[in-house]
Amino acid sequence: MDYWTTSTQMVYKRGLGAAQPTGQVSTVAVRLDTILSAIAALVLKLDSLNNWFSHRRNDLAGHAALITAIAAA
């Protein structure tokens, strides 16, 4: 088992053969690495969205310049 539990106040670690309590008291039900993984995934998603919007802005600027050049001709 690899989870934090508040009912037994023990932390169980995977990879020790049978699950063995480490004796650490847990007040948080979600592990820190799970939270950090979620934050990292969100940052990557926001970065990809930022790149997408940046390309769209550049496309719009190019279209506006083309329309202006055609209108001026």
Protein backbone atom coordinates (compact mmCIF):
# COMPACT_ATOMS: atom_id res chain seq x y z
CA MET A 1 0.00 0.00 0.00
CA ASP A 2 1.17 3.53 -0.67
CA TYR A 3 -1.13 6.03 0.97
CA TRP A 4 -1.52 8.38 3.89
CA THR A 5 -4.28 7.54 6.31
CA THR A 6 -5.67 9.51 9.19
CA SER A 7 -7.63 6.61 10.64
CA THR A 8 -4.57 4.67 11.82
CA GLN A 9 -2.21 7.68 11.93
CA MET A 10 0.39 5.70 10.00
CA VAL A 11 2.13 6.12 6.67
CA TYR A 12 2.59 2.97 4.59
CA LYS A 13 5.35 2.80 2.01
CA ARG A 14 5.46 0.61 -1.09
CA GLY A 15 8.55 -1.46 -1.80
CA LEU A 16 9.12 -2.90 1.68
CA GLY A 17 7.60 -6.30 0.89
CA ALA A 18 4.59 -6.36 3.19
CA ALA A 19 3.20 -2.95 4.08
CA GLN A 20 4.98 -1.70 7.17
CA PRO A 21 3.99 1.41 9.10
CA THR A 22 6.69 4.03 9.41
CA GLY A 23 5.08 5.52 12.50
CA GLN A 24 4.77 9.00 11.08
CA VAL A 25 1.64 10.90 12.02
CA SER A 26 -0.33 12.15 9.04
CA THR A 27 -2.78 15.03 9.11
CA VAL A 28 -3.02 15.36 5.33
CA ALA A 29 -5.00 12.88 3.24
CA VAL A 30 -3.25 13.68 -0.04
CA ARG A 31 0.45 13.10 -0.57
CA LEU A 32 2.70 16.01 -1.46
CA ASP A 33 4.04 14.42 -4.64
CA THR A 34 0.48 14.07 -5.98
CA ILE A 35 -0.10 17.78 -5.43
CA LEU A 36 3.21 18.69 -7.06
CA SER A 37 2.44 16.46 -10.06
CA ALA A 38 -0.92 18.18 -10.51
CA ILE A 39 0.72 21.62 -10.31
CA ALA A 40 3.37 20.61 -12.85
CA ALA A 41 0.70 19.32 -15.25
CA LEU A 42 -1.24 22.58 -14.88
CA VAL A 43 1.87 24.67 -15.56
CA LEU A 44 2.62 22.66 -18.71
CA LYS A 45 -0.98 23.07 -19.90
CA LEU A 46 -0.93 26.82 -19.29
CA ASP A 47 2.40 27.09 -21.12
CA SER A 48 1.02 25.27 -24.15
CA LEU A 49 -2.07 27.50 -24.13
CA ASN A 50 0.15 30.58 -23.94
CA ASN A 51 2.12 29.34 -26.97
CA TRP A 52 -1.13 28.70 -28.86
CA PHE A 53 -2.48 32.20 -28.14
CA SER A 54 0.89 33.74 -29.02
CA HIS A 55 0.79 32.10 -32.45
CA ARG A 56 -2.80 33.27 -32.95
CA ARG A 57 -1.81 36.87 -32.12
CA ASN A 58 1.04 36.69 -34.64
CA ASP A 59 -1.34 35.30 -37.28
CA LEU A 60 -3.82 38.12 -36.65
CA ALA A 61 -1.07 40.74 -36.87
CA GLY A 62 0.03 39.27 -40.21
CA HIS A 63 -3.54 39.26 -41.54
CA ALA A 64 -4.07 42.86 -40.42
CA ALA A 65 -0.89 43.96 -42.20
CA LEU A 66 -1.97 42.13 -45.37
CA ILE A 67 -5.45 43.69 -45.29
CA THR A 68 -3.94 47.15 -44.73
CA ALA A 69 -1.56 46.68 -47.67
CA ILE A 70 -4.40 45.53 -49.95
CA ALA A 71 -6.62 48.42 -48.87
CA ALA A 72 -3.84 50.94 -49.48
CA ALA A 73 -3.14 49.62 -52.99
